[in-house]
Every structure is written in C-alpha cells, then in structure tokens.
C-alpha cells in the first residue's frame, strides 16, 4: 500500500474556501433570523446582503435595520 502525497497548496486553498463558505452560511443565517425577528422579510434582506457583497450587505443591514420591538410580557392573574 503506497501513501499518496498531499498537495499542500491545494489542501490549504480548499480549507480556506471551506472556512469561507461556513462563515458565509453563518452570517447569512444570522441576517435572515435577525430580519425576521424585526418584522422584515428575511429572505429579501438575505438576498440583498448576499448579492451586494456579504460583508458590505451585512454592514448595511446593521446600520439600516429597524429597532427591535419589545415583546409584551404576559402577566397571569390569580
């Protein structure tokens, strides 16, 4: 059984691409959930963030997003 040598530059490149893809999914998932929580169409905001460049789109969302509406706290009366 012969060991196959690892092509180190190719391995590093693919690792960087994999880490970038995981960060991309994490950031866009967060943007979607944050937009939905604030009462905005999450799919639309996520698409805008993705197609405008993920970093620029996410920063724009952080600056332009609406205020979080406070949730009423239910009070039980006995």
N, C-alpha and C. Protein backbone atom coordinates (compact mmCIF):
# COMPACT_ATOMS: atom_id res chain seq x y z
N UNK A 1 0.84 -1.18 0.00
CA UNK A 1 0.00 0.00 0.00
C UNK A 1 0.89 1.24 0.00
N UNK A 2 0.69 2.06 -0.97
CA UNK A 2 1.51 3.25 -1.11
C UNK A 2 0.72 4.48 -0.67
N UNK A 3 1.37 5.35 0.11
CA UNK A 3 0.72 6.57 0.57
C UNK A 3 0.75 7.62 -0.53
N UNK A 4 -0.35 8.31 -0.66
CA UNK A 4 -0.45 9.37 -1.66
C UNK A 4 0.02 10.67 -1.01
N UNK A 5 1.00 11.34 -1.60
CA UNK A 5 1.47 12.60 -1.01
C UNK A 5 0.37 13.67 -1.10
N UNK A 6 0.31 14.49 -0.08
CA UNK A 6 -0.69 15.55 -0.02
C UNK A 6 -0.15 16.77 -0.76
N UNK A 7 -0.97 17.30 -1.64
CA UNK A 7 -0.62 18.52 -2.35
C UNK A 7 -0.96 19.69 -1.42
N UNK A 8 0.02 20.19 -0.68
CA UNK A 8 -0.21 21.16 0.38
C UNK A 8 -0.86 22.46 -0.09
N UNK A 9 -0.40 23.09 -1.16
CA UNK A 9 -1.07 24.33 -1.59
C UNK A 9 -2.55 24.12 -1.94
N UNK A 10 -2.85 23.00 -2.58
CA UNK A 10 -4.24 22.70 -2.92
C UNK A 10 -5.06 22.46 -1.66
N UNK A 11 -4.50 21.76 -0.69
CA UNK A 11 -5.19 21.50 0.58
C UNK A 11 -5.47 22.80 1.33
N UNK A 12 -4.50 23.70 1.38
CA UNK A 12 -4.68 24.98 2.06
C UNK A 12 -5.75 25.81 1.36
N UNK A 13 -5.72 25.83 0.03
CA UNK A 13 -6.71 26.57 -0.74
C UNK A 13 -8.12 26.05 -0.47
N UNK A 14 -8.30 24.74 -0.51
CA UNK A 14 -9.62 24.16 -0.27
C UNK A 14 -10.08 24.37 1.16
N UNK A 15 -9.15 24.37 2.11
CA UNK A 15 -9.51 24.64 3.50
C UNK A 15 -10.00 26.08 3.67
N UNK A 16 -9.31 27.02 3.04
CA UNK A 16 -9.72 28.42 3.11
C UNK A 16 -11.10 28.60 2.48
N UNK A 17 -11.34 27.98 1.34
CA UNK A 17 -12.65 28.06 0.68
C UNK A 17 -13.73 27.46 1.58
N UNK A 18 -13.44 26.34 2.24
CA UNK A 18 -14.41 25.71 3.14
C UNK A 18 -14.75 26.59 4.33
N UNK A 19 -13.73 27.20 4.93
CA UNK A 19 -13.97 28.09 6.07
C UNK A 19 -14.77 29.31 5.62
N UNK A 20 -14.46 29.85 4.46
CA UNK A 20 -15.21 30.99 3.92
C UNK A 20 -16.68 30.63 3.71
N UNK A 21 -16.94 29.45 3.16
CA UNK A 21 -18.32 29.03 2.91
C UNK A 21 -19.08 28.86 4.22
N UNK A 22 -18.43 28.32 5.25
CA UNK A 22 -19.09 28.16 6.55
C UNK A 22 -19.41 29.52 7.16
N UNK A 23 -18.48 30.47 7.08
CA UNK A 23 -18.74 31.83 7.57
C UNK A 23 -19.86 32.50 6.79
N UNK A 24 -19.89 32.29 5.49
CA UNK A 24 -20.93 32.86 4.65
C UNK A 24 -22.31 32.35 5.07
N UNK A 25 -22.41 31.05 5.28
CA UNK A 25 -23.68 30.47 5.72
C UNK A 25 -24.07 30.99 7.09
N UNK A 26 -23.12 31.08 8.01
CA UNK A 26 -23.41 31.58 9.36
C UNK A 26 -23.90 33.03 9.32
N UNK A 27 -23.21 33.89 8.58
CA UNK A 27 -23.57 35.30 8.53
C UNK A 27 -24.95 35.49 7.89
N UNK A 28 -25.19 34.81 6.77
CA UNK A 28 -26.48 34.97 6.09
C UNK A 28 -27.62 34.38 6.90
N UNK A 29 -27.37 33.30 7.65
CA UNK A 29 -28.41 32.75 8.53
C UNK A 29 -28.73 33.73 9.64
N UNK A 30 -27.72 34.35 10.20
CA UNK A 30 -27.95 35.35 11.25
C UNK A 30 -28.74 36.54 10.72
N UNK A 31 -28.38 37.02 9.52
CA UNK A 31 -29.10 38.15 8.92
C UNK A 31 -30.56 37.78 8.70
N UNK A 32 -30.83 36.57 8.22
CA UNK A 32 -32.21 36.13 7.99
C UNK A 32 -33.01 36.13 9.29
N UNK A 33 -32.47 35.50 10.34
CA UNK A 33 -33.20 35.42 11.61
C UNK A 33 -33.36 36.80 12.25
N UNK A 34 -32.36 37.65 12.14
CA UNK A 34 -32.46 38.99 12.70
C UNK A 34 -33.53 39.81 11.98
N UNK A 35 -33.59 39.69 10.66
CA UNK A 35 -34.61 40.42 9.90
C UNK A 35 -36.01 39.92 10.24
N UNK A 36 -36.17 38.61 10.34
CA UNK A 36 -37.49 38.06 10.69
C UNK A 36 -37.91 38.51 12.08
N UNK A 37 -36.97 38.54 13.01
CA UNK A 37 -37.28 38.95 14.38
C UNK A 37 -37.70 40.42 14.43
N UNK A 38 -37.20 41.21 13.51
CA UNK A 38 -37.53 42.64 13.49
C UNK A 38 -38.72 42.95 12.59
N UNK A 39 -39.38 41.93 12.07
CA UNK A 39 -40.60 42.13 11.29
C UNK A 39 -40.37 42.49 9.84
N UNK A 40 -39.22 42.14 9.29
CA UNK A 40 -38.89 42.43 7.90
C UNK A 40 -38.76 41.10 7.17
N UNK A 41 -39.02 41.09 5.87
CA UNK A 41 -38.90 39.88 5.07
C UNK A 41 -37.44 39.40 5.08
N UNK A 42 -37.17 38.32 5.79
CA UNK A 42 -35.81 37.83 5.97
C UNK A 42 -35.18 37.34 4.68
N UNK A 43 -35.97 36.71 3.81
CA UNK A 43 -35.43 36.20 2.56
C UNK A 43 -34.97 37.34 1.65
N UNK A 44 -35.74 38.40 1.61
CA UNK A 44 -35.38 39.55 0.80
C UNK A 44 -34.10 40.22 1.32
N UNK A 45 -34.02 40.42 2.62
CA UNK A 45 -32.83 41.06 3.21
C UNK A 45 -31.60 40.18 3.03
N UNK A 46 -31.77 38.86 3.17
CA UNK A 46 -30.64 37.95 2.98
C UNK A 46 -30.16 37.99 1.54
N UNK A 47 -31.10 38.02 0.59
CA UNK A 47 -30.71 38.09 -0.82
C UNK A 47 -29.99 39.40 -1.12
N UNK A 48 -30.48 40.49 -0.57
CA UNK A 48 -29.81 41.79 -0.78
C UNK A 48 -28.41 41.76 -0.18
N UNK A 49 -28.27 41.20 1.02
CA UNK A 49 -26.96 41.12 1.67
C UNK A 49 -26.01 40.24 0.86
N UNK A 50 -26.52 39.15 0.30
CA UNK A 50 -25.66 38.24 -0.47
C UNK A 50 -25.21 38.87 -1.78
N UNK A 51 -26.15 39.45 -2.52
CA UNK A 51 -25.82 39.96 -3.85
C UNK A 51 -25.12 41.31 -3.83
N UNK A 52 -25.13 42.01 -2.70
CA UNK A 52 -24.40 43.27 -2.62
C UNK A 52 -23.01 43.08 -2.03
N UNK A 53 -22.62 41.86 -1.88
CA UNK A 53 -21.34 41.56 -1.24
C UNK A 53 -21.64 41.31 0.22
N UNK A 54 -21.33 40.15 0.70
CA UNK A 54 -21.79 39.73 2.02
C UNK A 54 -21.35 40.68 3.12
N UNK A 55 -20.10 41.11 3.11
CA UNK A 55 -19.62 41.99 4.17
C UNK A 55 -20.30 43.35 4.08
N UNK A 56 -20.34 43.94 2.89
CA UNK A 56 -20.98 45.24 2.71
C UNK A 56 -22.47 45.16 3.01
N UNK A 57 -23.14 44.11 2.54
CA UNK A 57 -24.57 43.95 2.78
C UNK A 57 -24.90 43.75 4.24
N UNK A 58 -24.06 43.00 4.95
CA UNK A 58 -24.28 42.78 6.38
C UNK A 58 -24.06 44.07 7.16
N UNK A 59 -23.03 44.81 6.82
CA UNK A 59 -22.80 46.09 7.49
C UNK A 59 -23.93 47.07 7.21
N UNK A 60 -24.44 47.08 5.98
CA UNK A 60 -25.56 47.95 5.65
C UNK A 60 -26.80 47.55 6.46
N UNK A 61 -27.02 46.24 6.63
CA UNK A 61 -28.16 45.78 7.43
C UNK A 61 -27.99 46.21 8.89
N UNK A 62 -26.78 46.11 9.41
CA UNK A 62 -26.55 46.51 10.80
C UNK A 62 -26.83 48.00 11.01
N UNK A 63 -26.52 48.82 10.01
CA UNK A 63 -26.73 50.26 10.14
C UNK A 63 -28.19 50.63 9.90
N UNK A 64 -28.84 50.00 8.93
CA UNK A 64 -30.17 50.42 8.49
C UNK A 64 -31.32 49.61 9.07
N UNK A 65 -31.04 48.60 9.86
CA UNK A 65 -32.12 47.75 10.36
C UNK A 65 -33.02 48.50 11.33
N UNK A 66 -34.32 48.13 11.36
CA UNK A 66 -35.25 48.82 12.27
C UNK A 66 -35.01 48.41 13.72
N UNK A 67 -35.52 49.23 14.62
CA UNK A 67 -35.38 48.92 16.04
C UNK A 67 -36.16 47.65 16.37
N UNK A 68 -35.68 46.93 17.36
CA UNK A 68 -36.35 45.72 17.81
C UNK A 68 -37.55 46.13 18.65
N UNK A 69 -38.71 45.60 18.29
CA UNK A 69 -39.92 45.93 19.02
C UNK A 69 -39.98 45.10 20.30
N UNK A 70 -40.22 45.74 21.43
CA UNK A 70 -40.27 44.96 22.68
C UNK A 70 -41.49 44.04 22.68
N UNK A 71 -41.27 42.84 23.17
CA UNK A 71 -42.35 41.86 23.26
C UNK A 71 -43.08 42.06 24.57
N UNK A 72 -44.41 42.01 24.54
CA UNK A 72 -45.15 42.15 25.80
C UNK A 72 -44.92 40.94 26.70
N UNK A 73 -44.83 41.19 27.97
CA UNK A 73 -44.63 40.11 28.94
C UNK A 73 -46.00 39.73 29.49
N UNK A 74 -46.42 38.48 29.28
CA UNK A 74 -47.73 38.09 29.79
C UNK A 74 -47.73 38.03 31.32
N UNK A 75 -48.80 38.55 31.91
CA UNK A 75 -48.94 38.54 33.37
C UNK A 75 -50.14 37.69 33.71
N UNK A 76 -49.91 36.72 34.55
CA UNK A 76 -51.03 35.86 34.99
C UNK A 76 -51.65 36.45 36.23
N UNK A 77 -52.93 36.48 36.23
CA UNK A 77 -53.65 36.97 37.41
C UNK A 77 -54.27 35.77 38.11
N UNK A 78 -54.12 35.74 39.42
CA UNK A 78 -54.69 34.62 40.19
C UNK A 78 -56.03 34.99 40.77
